[in-house]
Every structure is written in structure tokens, then in C-alpha cells.
Amino acid sequence: AAFQTWAERSIGDEAWTALEVEFATNARRDPHVRAELAA
């Protein structure tokens, strides 16, 4: 129940999600950044 409460507040935050997706998508061109994200 506590986890679900956190999830309802956090999972799907538009700004955070967009940043994660945009940065990860851009990272595909840079092996160093990909390695950092993978770690």
C-alpha cells in the first residue's frame, strides 16, 4: 500500500519521464553515456 501511494505520486511524472526517455534516446549515439546509464 505504501509502495502504491509512492507510485501514484511518482510513476508517470511527465517532466521526469520525458527527461529520462529523451536523454536515454540521445545516449544511443555515445558509447560512454550509454555505459554510464547502463551502470
PDB file of all heavy atoms in Angstrom:
ATOM      1  N   ALA A   1       0.839  -1.204   0.000  1.00  0.00           N
ATOM      2  CA  ALA A   1       0.000   0.000   0.000  1.00  0.00           C
ATOM      3  C   ALA A   1       0.872   1.252   0.000  1.00  0.00           C
ATOM      4  O   ALA A   1       0.595   2.218  -0.729  1.00  0.00           O
ATOM      5  CB  ALA A   1      -0.940  -0.011   1.205  1.00  0.00           C
ATOM      6  N   ALA A   2       1.939   1.250   0.808  1.00  0.00           N
ATOM      7  CA  ALA A   2       2.857   2.390   0.842  1.00  0.00           C
ATOM      8  C   ALA A   2       3.551   2.555  -0.501  1.00  0.00           C
ATOM      9  O   ALA A   2       3.716   3.671  -1.007  1.00  0.00           O
ATOM     10  CB  ALA A   2       3.879   2.206   1.959  1.00  0.00           C
ATOM     11  N   PHE A   3       3.966   1.431  -1.093  1.00  0.00           N
ATOM     12  CA  PHE A   3       4.603   1.470  -2.406  1.00  0.00           C
ATOM     13  C   PHE A   3       3.640   2.028  -3.447  1.00  0.00           C
ATOM     14  O   PHE A   3       4.014   2.855  -4.276  1.00  0.00           O
ATOM     15  CB  PHE A   3       5.078   0.065  -2.808  1.00  0.00           C
ATOM     16  CG  PHE A   3       5.665   0.009  -4.182  1.00  0.00           C
ATOM     17  CD1 PHE A   3       6.935   0.511  -4.422  1.00  0.00           C
ATOM     18  CD2 PHE A   3       4.949  -0.531  -5.240  1.00  0.00           C
ATOM     19  CE1 PHE A   3       7.480   0.472  -5.702  1.00  0.00           C
ATOM     20  CE2 PHE A   3       5.488  -0.572  -6.514  1.00  0.00           C
ATOM     21  CZ  PHE A   3       6.758  -0.073  -6.746  1.00  0.00           C
ATOM     22  N   GLN A   4       2.395   1.605  -3.412  1.00  0.00           N
ATOM     23  CA  GLN A   4       1.408   2.089  -4.371  1.00  0.00           C
ATOM     24  C   GLN A   4       1.169   3.598  -4.213  1.00  0.00           C
ATOM     25  O   GLN A   4       1.042   4.308  -5.211  1.00  0.00           O
ATOM     26  CB  GLN A   4       0.084   1.336  -4.246  1.00  0.00           C
ATOM     27  CG  GLN A   4      -0.922   1.777  -5.306  1.00  0.00           C
ATOM     28  CD  GLN A   4      -2.070   0.816  -5.477  1.00  0.00           C
ATOM     29  OE1 GLN A   4      -1.952  -0.371  -5.189  1.00  0.00           O
ATOM     30  NE2 GLN A   4      -3.178   1.326  -5.966  1.00  0.00           N
ATOM     31  N   THR A   5       1.149   4.065  -2.989  1.00  0.00           N
ATOM     32  CA  THR A   5       0.986   5.505  -2.758  1.00  0.00           C
ATOM     33  C   THR A   5       2.142   6.277  -3.381  1.00  0.00           C
ATOM     34  O   THR A   5       1.939   7.295  -4.058  1.00  0.00           O
ATOM     35  CB  THR A   5       0.895   5.801  -1.244  1.00  0.00           C
ATOM     36  OG1 THR A   5      -0.254   5.116  -0.725  1.00  0.00           O
ATOM     37  CG2 THR A   5       0.774   7.279  -0.969  1.00  0.00           C
ATOM     38  N   TRP A   6       3.386   5.798  -3.168  1.00  0.00           N
ATOM     39  CA  TRP A   6       4.544   6.434  -3.803  1.00  0.00           C
ATOM     40  C   TRP A   6       4.405   6.367  -5.320  1.00  0.00           C
ATOM     41  O   TRP A   6       4.624   7.359  -6.014  1.00  0.00           O
ATOM     42  CB  TRP A   6       5.848   5.759  -3.361  1.00  0.00           C
ATOM     43  CG  TRP A   6       6.995   6.182  -4.224  1.00  0.00           C
ATOM     44  CD1 TRP A   6       7.737   7.322  -4.098  1.00  0.00           C
ATOM     45  CD2 TRP A   6       7.488   5.508  -5.392  1.00  0.00           C
ATOM     46  NE1 TRP A   6       8.667   7.394  -5.112  1.00  0.00           N
ATOM     47  CE2 TRP A   6       8.528   6.294  -5.916  1.00  0.00           C
ATOM     48  CE3 TRP A   6       7.136   4.318  -6.045  1.00  0.00           C
ATOM     49  CZ2 TRP A   6       9.235   5.928  -7.058  1.00  0.00           C
ATOM     50  CZ3 TRP A   6       7.844   3.943  -7.175  1.00  0.00           C
ATOM     51  CH2 TRP A   6       8.878   4.743  -7.674  1.00  0.00           C
ATOM     52  N   ALA A   7       4.030   5.206  -5.849  1.00  0.00           N
ATOM     53  CA  ALA A   7       3.925   5.010  -7.288  1.00  0.00           C
ATOM     54  C   ALA A   7       2.900   5.958  -7.906  1.00  0.00           C
ATOM     55  O   ALA A   7       3.128   6.517  -8.989  1.00  0.00           O
ATOM     56  CB  ALA A   7       3.568   3.557  -7.602  1.00  0.00           C
ATOM     57  N   GLU A   8       1.783   6.152  -7.231  1.00  0.00           N
ATOM     58  CA  GLU A   8       0.755   7.058  -7.762  1.00  0.00           C
ATOM     59  C   GLU A   8       1.270   8.487  -7.852  1.00  0.00           C
ATOM     60  O   GLU A   8       0.900   9.220  -8.770  1.00  0.00           O
ATOM     61  CB  GLU A   8      -0.509   6.981  -6.901  1.00  0.00           C
ATOM     62  CG  GLU A   8      -1.272   5.690  -7.122  1.00  0.00           C
ATOM     63  CD  GLU A   8      -2.394   5.449  -6.121  1.00  0.00           C
ATOM     64  OE1 GLU A   8      -2.522   6.216  -5.134  1.00  0.00           O
ATOM     65  OE2 GLU A   8      -3.136   4.475  -6.323  1.00  0.00           O
ATOM     66  N   ARG A   9       2.129   8.876  -6.937  1.00  0.00           N
ATOM     67  CA  ARG A   9       2.688  10.228  -6.967  1.00  0.00           C
ATOM     68  C   ARG A   9       3.827  10.362  -7.970  1.00  0.00           C
ATOM     69  O   ARG A   9       4.037  11.437  -8.528  1.00  0.00           O
ATOM     70  CB  ARG A   9       3.223  10.616  -5.587  1.00  0.00           C
ATOM     71  CG  ARG A   9       2.191  11.063  -4.603  1.00  0.00           C
ATOM     72  CD  ARG A   9       2.829  11.746  -3.387  1.00  0.00           C
ATOM     73  NE  ARG A   9       4.030  11.086  -2.926  1.00  0.00           N
ATOM     74  CZ  ARG A   9       4.100  10.292  -1.854  1.00  0.00           C
ATOM     75  NH1 ARG A   9       3.028  10.069  -1.134  1.00  0.00           N
ATOM     76  NH2 ARG A   9       5.238   9.742  -1.505  1.00  0.00           N
ATOM     77  N   SER A  10       4.586   9.297  -8.180  1.00  0.00           N
ATOM     78  CA  SER A  10       5.849   9.421  -8.912  1.00  0.00           C
ATOM     79  C   SER A  10       5.881   8.795 -10.290  1.00  0.00           C
ATOM     80  O   SER A  10       6.493   9.349 -11.202  1.00  0.00           O
ATOM     81  CB  SER A  10       6.980   8.826  -8.065  1.00  0.00           C
ATOM     82  OG  SER A  10       7.087   9.515  -6.852  1.00  0.00           O
ATOM     83  N   ILE A  11       5.301   7.627 -10.452  1.00  0.00           N
ATOM     84  CA  ILE A  11       5.405   6.933 -11.743  1.00  0.00           C
ATOM     85  C   ILE A  11       4.510   7.628 -12.756  1.00  0.00           C
ATOM     86  O   ILE A  11       3.309   7.724 -12.574  1.00  0.00           O
ATOM     87  CB  ILE A  11       5.032   5.437 -11.603  1.00  0.00           C
ATOM     88  CG1 ILE A  11       6.077   4.731 -10.750  1.00  0.00           C
ATOM     89  CG2 ILE A  11       4.927   4.781 -12.976  1.00  0.00           C
ATOM     90  CD1 ILE A  11       5.819   3.261 -10.531  1.00  0.00           C
ATOM     91  N   GLY A  12       5.139   8.128 -13.793  1.00  0.00           N
ATOM     92  CA  GLY A  12       4.409   8.841 -14.834  1.00  0.00           C
ATOM     93  C   GLY A  12       4.499  10.345 -14.713  1.00  0.00           C
ATOM     94  O   GLY A  12       3.850  11.064 -15.471  1.00  0.00           O
ATOM     95  N   ASP A  13       5.329  10.834 -13.794  1.00  0.00           N
ATOM     96  CA  ASP A  13       5.575  12.270 -13.733  1.00  0.00           C
ATOM     97  C   ASP A  13       6.047  12.697 -15.126  1.00  0.00           C
ATOM     98  O   ASP A  13       7.049  12.196 -15.625  1.00  0.00           O
ATOM     99  CB  ASP A  13       6.633  12.569 -12.673  1.00  0.00           C
ATOM    100  CG  ASP A  13       7.018  14.029 -12.638  1.00  0.00           C
ATOM    101  OD1 ASP A  13       7.867  14.439 -13.458  1.00  0.00           O
ATOM    102  OD2 ASP A  13       6.463  14.752 -11.792  1.00  0.00           O
ATOM    103  N   GLU A  14       5.292  13.585 -15.757  1.00  0.00           N
ATOM    104  CA  GLU A  14       5.572  13.924 -17.160  1.00  0.00           C
ATOM    105  C   GLU A  14       6.981  14.449 -17.384  1.00  0.00           C
ATOM    106  O   GLU A  14       7.671  14.021 -18.311  1.00  0.00           O
ATOM    107  CB  GLU A  14       4.558  14.951 -17.672  1.00  0.00           C
ATOM    108  CG  GLU A  14       3.180  14.386 -17.882  1.00  0.00           C
ATOM    109  CD  GLU A  14       2.208  15.411 -18.418  1.00  0.00           C
ATOM    110  OE1 GLU A  14       2.612  16.228 -19.273  1.00  0.00           O
ATOM    111  OE2 GLU A  14       1.054  15.388 -17.982  1.00  0.00           O
ATOM    112  N   ALA A  15       7.408  15.389 -16.562  1.00  0.00           N
ATOM    113  CA  ALA A  15       8.714  16.009 -16.768  1.00  0.00           C
ATOM    114  C   ALA A  15       9.845  15.011 -16.553  1.00  0.00           C
ATOM    115  O   ALA A  15      10.770  14.917 -17.378  1.00  0.00           O
ATOM    116  CB  ALA A  15       8.867  17.208 -15.833  1.00  0.00           C
ATOM    117  N   TRP A  16       9.777  14.262 -15.458  1.00  0.00           N
ATOM    118  CA  TRP A  16      10.825  13.294 -15.148  1.00  0.00           C
ATOM    119  C   TRP A  16      10.868  12.202 -16.220  1.00  0.00           C
ATOM    120  O   TRP A  16      11.938  11.854 -16.739  1.00  0.00           O
ATOM    121  CB  TRP A  16      10.572  12.717 -13.758  1.00  0.00           C
ATOM    122  CG  TRP A  16      11.464  11.592 -13.335  1.00  0.00           C
ATOM    123  CD1 TRP A  16      12.735  11.332 -13.769  1.00  0.00           C
ATOM    124  CD2 TRP A  16      11.153  10.571 -12.394  1.00  0.00           C
ATOM    125  NE1 TRP A  16      13.233  10.208 -13.137  1.00  0.00           N
ATOM    126  CE2 TRP A  16      12.275   9.725 -12.293  1.00  0.00           C
ATOM    127  CE3 TRP A  16      10.034  10.290 -11.617  1.00  0.00           C
ATOM    128  CZ2 TRP A  16      12.314   8.621 -11.455  1.00  0.00           C
ATOM    129  CZ3 TRP A  16      10.081   9.191 -10.778  1.00  0.00           C
ATOM    130  CH2 TRP A  16      11.206   8.371 -10.698  1.00  0.00           C
ATOM    131  N   THR A  17       9.707  11.666 -16.584  1.00  0.00           N
ATOM    132  CA  THR A  17       9.652  10.612 -17.598  1.00  0.00           C
ATOM    133  C   THR A  17      10.199  11.101 -18.930  1.00  0.00           C
ATOM    134  O   THR A  17      11.006  10.420 -19.575  1.00  0.00           O
ATOM    135  CB  THR A  17       8.205  10.107 -17.763  1.00  0.00           C
ATOM    136  OG1 THR A  17       7.741   9.623 -16.500  1.00  0.00           O
ATOM    137  CG2 THR A  17       8.114   9.005 -18.806  1.00  0.00           C
ATOM    138  N   ALA A  18       9.786  12.302 -19.344  1.00  0.00           N
ATOM    139  CA  ALA A  18      10.250  12.855 -20.623  1.00  0.00           C
ATOM    140  C   ALA A  18      11.768  13.029 -20.616  1.00  0.00           C
ATOM    141  O   ALA A  18      12.445  12.713 -21.604  1.00  0.00           O
ATOM    142  CB  ALA A  18       9.553  14.175 -20.918  1.00  0.00           C
ATOM    143  N   LEU A  19      12.310  13.522 -19.503  1.00  0.00           N
ATOM    144  CA  LEU A  19      13.758  13.712 -19.417  1.00  0.00           C
ATOM    145  C   LEU A  19      14.485  12.378 -19.510  1.00  0.00           C
ATOM    146  O   LEU A  19      15.460  12.239 -20.262  1.00  0.00           O
ATOM    147  CB  LEU A  19      14.134  14.438 -18.124  1.00  0.00           C
ATOM    148  CG  LEU A  19      15.637  14.642 -17.889  1.00  0.00           C
ATOM    149  CD1 LEU A  19      16.265  15.452 -19.026  1.00  0.00           C
ATOM    150  CD2 LEU A  19      15.862  15.313 -16.541  1.00  0.00           C
ATOM    151  N   GLU A  20      14.026  11.388 -18.775  1.00  0.00           N
ATOM    152  CA  GLU A  20      14.666  10.066 -18.811  1.00  0.00           C
ATOM    153  C   GLU A  20      14.647   9.489 -20.235  1.00  0.00           C
ATOM    154  O   GLU A  20      15.662   9.000 -20.721  1.00  0.00           O
ATOM    155  CB  GLU A  20      13.955   9.092 -17.860  1.00  0.00           C
ATOM    156  CG  GLU A  20      14.101   9.422 -16.402  1.00  0.00           C
ATOM    157  CD  GLU A  20      15.260   8.739 -15.716  1.00  0.00           C
ATOM    158  OE1 GLU A  20      16.107   8.115 -16.384  1.00  0.00           O
ATOM    159  OE2 GLU A  20      15.313   8.838 -14.478  1.00  0.00           O
ATOM    160  N   VAL A  21      13.489   9.556 -20.881  1.00  0.00           N
ATOM    161  CA  VAL A  21      13.348   8.981 -22.225  1.00  0.00           C
ATOM    162  C   VAL A  21      14.186   9.762 -23.234  1.00  0.00           C
ATOM    163  O   VAL A  21      14.913   9.175 -24.044  1.00  0.00           O
ATOM    164  CB  VAL A  21      11.862   8.925 -22.650  1.00  0.00           C
ATOM    165  CG1 VAL A  21      11.721   8.557 -24.120  1.00  0.00           C
ATOM    166  CG2 VAL A  21      11.101   7.928 -21.770  1.00  0.00           C
ATOM    167  N   GLU A  22      14.105  11.094 -23.184  1.00  0.00           N
ATOM    168  CA  GLU A  22      14.859  11.916 -24.129  1.00  0.00           C
ATOM    169  C   GLU A  22      16.360  11.689 -23.974  1.00  0.00           C
ATOM    170  O   GLU A  22      17.074  11.502 -24.964  1.00  0.00           O
ATOM    171  CB  GLU A  22      14.519  13.392 -23.921  1.00  0.00           C
ATOM    172  CG  GLU A  22      15.248  14.314 -24.882  1.00  0.00           C
ATOM    173  CD  GLU A  22      14.984  15.786 -24.633  1.00  0.00           C
ATOM    174  OE1 GLU A  22      14.370  16.142 -23.591  1.00  0.00           O
ATOM    175  OE2 GLU A  22      15.411  16.586 -25.482  1.00  0.00           O
ATOM    176  N   PHE A  23      16.833  11.678 -22.742  1.00  0.00           N
ATOM    177  CA  PHE A  23      18.267  11.503 -22.525  1.00  0.00           C
ATOM    178  C   PHE A  23      18.719  10.112 -22.944  1.00  0.00           C
ATOM    179  O   PHE A  23      19.756   9.957 -23.599  1.00  0.00           O
ATOM    180  CB  PHE A  23      18.622  11.782 -21.067  1.00  0.00           C
ATOM    181  CG  PHE A  23      20.103  11.837 -20.832  1.00  0.00           C
ATOM    182  CD1 PHE A  23      20.871  12.855 -21.361  1.00  0.00           C
ATOM    183  CD2 PHE A  23      20.738  10.856 -20.080  1.00  0.00           C
ATOM    184  CE1 PHE A  23      22.249  12.903 -21.152  1.00  0.00           C
ATOM    185  CE2 PHE A  23      22.104  10.895 -19.858  1.00  0.00           C
ATOM    186  CZ  PHE A  23      22.864  11.925 -20.402  1.00  0.00           C
ATOM    187  N   ALA A  24      17.946   9.102 -22.590  1.00  0.00           N
ATOM    188  CA  ALA A  24      18.313   7.730 -22.968  1.00  0.00           C
ATOM    189  C   ALA A  24      18.323   7.563 -24.484  1.00  0.00           C
ATOM    190  O   ALA A  24      19.198   6.887 -25.039  1.00  0.00           O
ATOM    191  CB  ALA A  24      17.355   6.732 -22.331  1.00  0.00           C
ATOM    192  N   THR A  25      17.372   8.193 -25.152  1.00  0.00           N
ATOM    193  CA  THR A  25      17.313   8.116 -26.615  1.00  0.00           C
ATOM    194  C   THR A  25      18.535   8.780 -27.237  1.00  0.00           C
ATOM    195  O   THR A  25      19.135   8.247 -28.175  1.00  0.00           O
ATOM    196  CB  THR A  25      16.015   8.770 -27.136  1.00  0.00           C
ATOM    197  OG1 THR A  25      14.909   8.099 -26.543  1.00  0.00           O
ATOM    198  CG2 THR A  25      15.912   8.677 -28.640  1.00  0.00           C
ATOM    199  N   ASN A  26      18.920   9.934 -26.713  1.00  0.00           N
ATOM    200  CA  ASN A  26      20.111  10.622 -27.216  1.00  0.00           C
ATOM    201  C   ASN A  26      21.383   9.834 -26.921  1.00  0.00           C
ATOM    202  O   ASN A  26      22.351   9.917 -27.671  1.00  0.00           O
ATOM    203  CB  ASN A  26      20.227  12.020 -26.598  1.00  0.00           C
ATOM    204  CG  ASN A  26      19.240  12.991 -27.185  1.00  0.00           C
ATOM    205  OD1 ASN A  26      18.754  12.818 -28.294  1.00  0.00           O
ATOM    206  ND2 ASN A  26      18.921  14.032 -26.427  1.00  0.00           N
ATOM    207  N   ALA A  27      21.385   9.079 -25.841  1.00  0.00           N
ATOM    208  CA  ALA A  27      22.578   8.347 -25.409  1.00  0.00           C
ATOM    209  C   ALA A  27      22.971   7.238 -26.369  1.00  0.00           C
ATOM    210  O   ALA A  27      24.116   6.796 -26.356  1.00  0.00           O
ATOM    211  CB  ALA A  27      22.364   7.766 -24.018  1.00  0.00           C
ATOM    212  N   ARG A  28      22.051   6.812 -27.199  1.00  0.00           N
ATOM    213  CA  ARG A  28      22.364   5.692 -28.093  1.00  0.00           C
ATOM    214  C   ARG A  28      23.520   6.020 -29.035  1.00  0.00           C
ATOM    215  O   ARG A  28      24.163   5.136 -29.570  1.00  0.00           O
ATOM    216  CB  ARG A  28      21.126   5.264 -28.870  1.00  0.00           C
ATOM    217  CG  ARG A  28      20.704   6.189 -29.971  1.00  0.00           C
ATOM    218  CD  ARG A  28      19.403   5.711 -30.631  1.00  0.00           C
ATOM    219  NE  ARG A  28      19.082   6.468 -31.813  1.00  0.00           N
ATOM    220  CZ  ARG A  28      18.496   7.667 -31.801  1.00  0.00           C
ATOM    221  NH1 ARG A  28      18.167   8.226 -30.667  1.00  0.00           N
ATOM    222  NH2 ARG A  28      18.235   8.287 -32.934  1.00  0.00           N
ATOM    223  N   ARG A  29      23.814   7.290 -29.211  1.00  0.00           N
ATOM    224  CA  ARG A  29      24.889   7.715 -30.111  1.00  0.00           C
ATOM    225  C   ARG A  29      26.251   7.804 -29.426  1.00  0.00           C
ATOM    226  O   ARG A  29      27.258   7.992 -30.094  1.00  0.00           O
ATOM    227  CB  ARG A  29      24.540   9.072 -30.716  1.00  0.00           C
ATOM    228  CG  ARG A  29      23.322   9.052 -31.589  1.00  0.00           C
ATOM    229  CD  ARG A  29      23.089  10.427 -32.220  1.00  0.00           C
ATOM    230  NE  ARG A  29      21.854  10.428 -32.958  1.00  0.00           N
ATOM    231  CZ  ARG A  29      20.691  10.861 -32.486  1.00  0.00           C
ATOM    232  NH1 ARG A  29      20.618  11.328 -31.262  1.00  0.00           N
ATOM    233  NH2 ARG A  29      19.620  10.843 -33.232  1.00  0.00           N
ATOM    234  N   ASP A  30      26.265   7.710 -28.105  1.00  0.00           N
ATOM    235  CA  ASP A  30      27.511   7.915 -27.363  1.00  0.00           C
ATOM    236  C   ASP A  30      27.776   6.718 -26.452  1.00  0.00           C
ATOM    237  O   ASP A  30      27.103   6.551 -25.437  1.00  0.00           O
ATOM    238  CB  ASP A  30      27.387   9.197 -26.538  1.00  0.00           C
ATOM    239  CG  ASP A  30      28.670   9.568 -25.821  1.00  0.00           C
ATOM    240  OD1 ASP A  30      29.477   8.676 -25.483  1.00  0.00           O
ATOM    241  OD2 ASP A  30      28.865  10.772 -25.582  1.00  0.00           O
ATOM    242  N   PRO A  31      28.759   5.894 -26.811  1.00  0.00           N
ATOM    243  CA  PRO A  31      29.036   4.690 -26.011  1.00  0.00           C
ATOM    244  C   PRO A  31      29.361   4.996 -24.548  1.00  0.00           C
ATOM    245  O   PRO A  31      28.993   4.228 -23.660  1.00  0.00           O
ATOM    246  CB  PRO A  31      30.240   4.056 -26.715  1.00  0.00           C
ATOM    247  CG  PRO A  31      30.270   4.647 -28.078  1.00  0.00           C
ATOM    248  CD  PRO A  31      29.631   5.987 -27.985  1.00  0.00           C
ATOM    249  N   HIS A  32      30.037   6.122 -24.280  1.00  0.00           N
ATOM    250  CA  HIS A  32      30.372   6.470 -22.895  1.00  0.00           C
ATOM    251  C   HIS A  32      29.104   6.753 -22.085  1.00  0.00           C
ATOM    252  O   HIS A  32      28.954   6.250 -20.970  1.00  0.00           O
ATOM    253  CB  HIS A  32      31.306   7.684 -22.854  1.00  0.00           C
ATOM    254  CG  HIS A  32      31.521   8.207 -21.470  1.00  0.00           C
ATOM    255  ND1 HIS A  32      32.279   7.534 -20.528  1.00  0.00           N
ATOM    256  CD2 HIS A  32      31.049   9.318 -20.850  1.00  0.00           C
ATOM    257  CE1 HIS A  32      32.264   8.214 -19.395  1.00  0.00           C
ATOM    258  NE2 HIS A  32      31.535   9.304 -19.561  1.00  0.00           N
ATOM    259  N   VAL A  33      28.204   7.541 -22.638  1.00  0.00           N
ATOM    260  CA  VAL A  33      26.965   7.875 -21.924  1.00  0.00           C
ATOM    261  C   VAL A  33      26.104   6.622 -21.765  1.00  0.00           C
ATOM    262  O   VAL A  33      25.508   6.403 -20.710  1.00  0.00           O
ATOM    263  CB  VAL A  33      26.193   9.013 -22.634  1.00  0.00           C
ATOM    264  CG1 VAL A  33      24.866   9.282 -21.949  1.00  0.00           C
ATOM    265  CG2 VAL A  33      27.028  10.284 -22.665  1.00  0.00           C
ATOM    266  N   ARG A  34      26.063   5.795 -22.809  1.00  0.00           N
ATOM    267  CA  ARG A  34      25.315   4.532 -22.697  1.00  0.00           C
ATOM    268  C   ARG A  34      25.862   3.681 -21.565  1.00  0.00           C
ATOM    269  O   ARG A  34      25.109   3.099 -20.784  1.00  0.00           O
ATOM    270  CB  ARG A  34      25.374   3.761 -24.018  1.00  0.00           C
ATOM    271  CG  ARG A  34      24.448   4.333 -25.073  1.00  0.00           C
ATOM    272  CD  ARG A  34      24.583   3.614 -26.361  1.00  0.00           C
ATOM    273  NE  ARG A  34      24.142   2.215 -26.217  1.00  0.00           N
ATOM    274  CZ  ARG A  34      24.169   1.340 -27.192  1.00  0.00           C
ATOM    275  NH1 ARG A  34      24.610   1.677 -28.379  1.00  0.00           N
ATOM    276  NH2 ARG A  34      23.766   0.116 -26.996  1.00  0.00           N
ATOM    277  N   ALA A  35      27.182   3.618 -21.455  1.00  0.00           N
ATOM    278  CA  ALA A  35      27.804   2.833 -20.382  1.00  0.00           C
ATOM    279  C   ALA A  35      27.463   3.429 -19.016  1.00  0.00           C
ATOM    280  O   ALA A  35      27.193   2.685 -18.058  1.00  0.00           O
ATOM    281  CB  ALA A  35      29.317   2.774 -20.587  1.00  0.00           C
ATOM    282  N   GLU A  36      27.463   4.746 -18.919  1.00  0.00           N
ATOM    283  CA  GLU A  36      27.098   5.404 -17.659  1.00  0.00           C
ATOM    284  C   GLU A  36      25.652   5.099 -17.288  1.00  0.00           C
ATOM    285  O   GLU A  36      25.345   4.795 -16.136  1.00  0.00           O
ATOM    286  CB  GLU A  36      27.306   6.926 -17.760  1.00  0.00           C
ATOM    287  CG  GLU A  36      28.746   7.359 -17.797  1.00  0.00           C
ATOM    288  CD  GLU A  36      29.463   7.128 -16.479  1.00  0.00           C
ATOM    289  OE1 GLU A  36      28.832   7.262 -15.417  1.00  0.00           O
ATOM    290  OE2 GLU A  36      30.665   6.820 -16.508  1.00  0.00           O
ATOM    291  N   LEU A  37      24.752   5.187 -18.260  1.00  0.00           N
ATOM    292  CA  LEU A  37      23.344   4.872 -17.996  1.00  0.00           C
ATOM    293  C   LEU A  37      23.171   3.403 -17.641  1.00  0.00           C
ATOM    294  O   LEU A  37      22.388   3.066 -16.746  1.00  0.00           O
ATOM    295  CB  LEU A  37      22.476   5.235 -19.198  1.00  0.00           C
ATOM    296  CG  LEU A  37      22.195   6.720 -19.399  1.00  0.00           C
ATOM    297  CD1 LEU A  37      21.446   6.949 -20.714  1.00  0.00           C
ATOM    298  CD2 LEU A  37      21.413   7.296 -18.233  1.00  0.00           C
ATOM    299  N   ALA A  38      23.899   2.531 -18.336  1.00  0.00           N
ATOM    300  CA  ALA A  38      23.807   1.094 -18.049  1.00  0.00           C
ATOM    301  C   ALA A  38      24.280   0.793 -16.624  1.00  0.00           C
ATOM    302  O   ALA A  38      23.676  -0.029 -15.923  1.00  0.00           O
ATOM    303  CB  ALA A  38      24.624   0.297 -19.065  1.00  0.00           C
ATOM    304  N   ALA A  39      25.340   1.458 -16.188  1.00  0.00           N
ATOM    305  CA  ALA A  39      25.837   1.249 -14.830  1.00  0.00           C
ATOM    306  C   ALA A  39      24.805   1.711 -13.796  1.00  0.00           C
ATOM    307  O   ALA A  39      24.576   1.035 -12.785  1.00  0.00           O
ATOM    308  CB  ALA A  39      27.152   2.002 -14.630  1.00  0.00           C
TER     309      ALA A  39
END
